[in-house]
Amino acid sequence: MKQKSFKDADGFTLLEVMVALAIIAFAVVTYVHSQNMSIALLNESTSMTVATLLAKSRMVALENSEIAGPSEREGTFEDPEHAAFRWKERIVATPFPNVFEVYVEVAWNDNRGRRSVDMVTLVVRQ
């Protein structure tokens, strides 16, 4: 029976193992980065959707209320779930006597700084 020497031994060389590990490491880093970006985009789209719905609710409340004239107000939402969001509304007179331009802004802070959603509409006072 003839014994094999190390030169004839079956297996992987150190270089092959290092190249395989480098490829796996690159794939894992790319995967983790894409997951982090996915979570960040999910959080951003969630905040944007919530802010849009909150701005719409403020706009509907203004449209259904009696507008006395030009004014400007701001505040926070009563629901603790939306404590991070602030609203600002501004009613501006137009050249037409019973028509007002209504601005609603909902703002919040995230890891990229101050973000906001703005809505504008015209309201006719009855």
Protein backbone atom coordinates (compact mmCIF):
# COMPACT_ATOMS: atom_id res chain seq x y z
CA MET A 1 0.00 0.00 0.00
CA LYS A 2 1.43 3.30 -1.07
CA GLN A 3 1.00 6.37 1.18
CA LYS A 4 0.08 9.74 -0.36
CA SER A 5 2.32 12.68 0.30
CA PHE A 6 0.99 16.14 1.18
CA LYS A 7 1.38 17.17 -2.45
CA ASP A 8 -0.94 14.43 -3.57
CA ALA A 9 -3.48 14.89 -0.74
CA ASP A 10 -7.07 15.77 -1.70
CA GLY A 11 -8.59 18.96 -0.23
CA PHE A 12 -8.62 22.72 -0.54
CA THR A 13 -5.64 24.97 -0.50
CA LEU A 14 -5.41 27.89 1.89
CA LEU A 15 -5.86 30.29 -1.02
CA GLU A 16 -9.10 28.61 -2.10
CA VAL A 17 -10.48 28.76 1.44
CA MET A 18 -9.56 32.44 1.78
CA VAL A 19 -11.22 33.33 -1.55
CA ALA A 20 -14.38 31.43 -0.52
CA LEU A 21 -14.48 33.24 2.83
CA ALA A 22 -14.01 36.61 1.11
CA ILE A 23 -16.94 35.89 -1.22
CA ILE A 24 -19.14 34.80 1.69
CA ALA A 25 -18.16 37.88 3.73
CA PHE A 26 -18.98 40.19 0.81
CA ALA A 27 -22.37 38.51 0.35
CA VAL A 28 -23.21 38.74 4.07
CA VAL A 29 -22.22 42.42 4.30
CA THR A 30 -24.29 43.22 1.20
CA TYR A 31 -27.29 41.35 2.61
CA VAL A 32 -27.09 43.08 6.01
CA HIS A 33 -26.78 46.49 4.36
CA SER A 34 -29.81 45.84 2.16
CA GLN A 35 -31.83 44.77 5.21
CA ASN A 36 -30.84 47.94 7.09
CA MET A 37 -31.84 50.09 4.11
CA SER A 38 -35.13 48.20 3.86
CA ILE A 39 -35.94 48.88 7.52
CA ALA A 40 -34.99 52.56 7.18
CA LEU A 41 -37.22 52.96 4.11
CA LEU A 42 -40.08 51.17 5.90
CA ASN A 43 -39.80 53.58 8.86
CA GLU A 44 -39.67 56.58 6.53
CA SER A 45 -42.69 55.48 4.52
CA THR A 46 -44.62 54.72 7.71
CA SER A 47 -43.92 58.20 9.09
CA MET A 48 -44.81 59.81 5.76
CA THR A 49 -48.11 57.89 5.58
CA VAL A 50 -49.04 58.72 9.18
CA ALA A 51 -48.18 62.40 8.64
CA THR A 52 -50.25 62.51 5.45
CA LEU A 53 -53.27 60.98 7.20
CA LEU A 54 -52.89 63.37 10.15
CA ALA A 55 -52.65 66.36 7.79
CA LYS A 56 -55.76 65.16 5.96
CA SER A 57 -57.66 64.85 9.25
CA ARG A 58 -56.67 68.42 10.22
CA MET A 59 -57.71 69.63 6.76
CA VAL A 60 -61.10 67.93 7.00
CA ALA A 61 -61.65 69.43 10.46
CA LEU A 62 -60.87 72.90 9.07
CA GLU A 63 -63.13 72.41 6.07
CA ASN A 64 -66.01 71.41 8.35
CA SER A 65 -65.49 74.21 10.87
CA GLU A 66 -66.66 77.78 10.66
CA ILE A 67 -63.81 79.94 9.38
CA ALA A 68 -64.00 83.41 10.89
CA GLY A 69 -61.11 84.89 8.95
CA PRO A 70 -57.36 84.72 8.48
CA SER A 71 -55.53 83.00 11.32
CA GLU A 72 -52.54 80.88 12.20
CA ARG A 73 -52.34 78.12 14.83
CA GLU A 74 -50.07 75.27 15.75
CA GLY A 75 -49.98 72.42 18.22
CA THR A 76 -49.49 68.73 18.83
CA PHE A 77 -51.81 65.79 18.38
CA GLU A 78 -53.66 64.56 21.48
CA ASP A 79 -53.10 60.88 20.75
CA PRO A 80 -49.90 59.70 22.55
CA GLU A 81 -49.17 57.47 19.56
CA HIS A 82 -48.67 60.60 17.44
CA ALA A 83 -46.77 62.64 20.02
CA ALA A 84 -43.78 63.00 17.67
CA PHE A 85 -45.86 64.90 15.11
CA ARG A 86 -46.66 68.63 15.27
CA TRP A 87 -49.25 70.47 13.16
CA LYS A 88 -49.44 74.01 11.92
CA GLU A 89 -52.41 75.50 10.11
CA ARG A 90 -52.70 78.84 8.38
CA ILE A 91 -55.81 80.44 6.88
CA VAL A 92 -55.17 83.20 4.36
CA ALA A 93 -57.69 85.53 2.70
CA THR A 94 -57.96 85.51 -1.09
CA PRO A 95 -59.18 88.26 -3.42
CA PHE A 96 -62.63 86.65 -3.25
CA PRO A 97 -64.69 87.63 -0.18
CA ASN A 98 -65.81 84.19 1.07
CA VAL A 99 -62.91 82.10 -0.18
CA PHE A 100 -59.91 81.26 2.01
CA GLU A 101 -56.70 79.45 1.25
CA VAL A 102 -55.99 76.88 3.96
CA TYR A 103 -52.48 75.49 4.62
CA VAL A 104 -51.84 72.49 6.88
CA GLU A 105 -48.35 71.27 7.71
CA VAL A 106 -47.52 68.20 9.79
CA ALA A 107 -43.87 67.96 10.83
CA TRP A 108 -41.72 65.45 12.69
CA ASN A 109 -38.04 64.80 13.36
CA ASP A 110 -36.24 61.66 12.32
CA ASN A 111 -32.63 60.58 11.87
CA ARG A 112 -32.38 62.75 8.72
CA GLY A 113 -33.62 65.92 10.44
CA ARG A 114 -36.93 67.77 10.28
CA ARG A 115 -39.44 66.32 7.81
CA SER A 116 -42.91 67.61 6.92
CA VAL A 117 -46.02 67.06 4.83
CA ASP A 118 -47.89 70.11 3.49
CA MET A 119 -51.44 70.35 2.18
CA VAL A 120 -53.18 73.35 0.62
CA THR A 121 -56.81 73.80 -0.36
CA LEU A 122 -59.43 76.48 -0.92
CA VAL A 123 -62.39 76.68 1.45
CA VAL A 124 -65.58 78.61 0.74
CA ARG A 125 -67.26 80.12 3.79
CA GLN A 126 -71.04 79.74 3.64
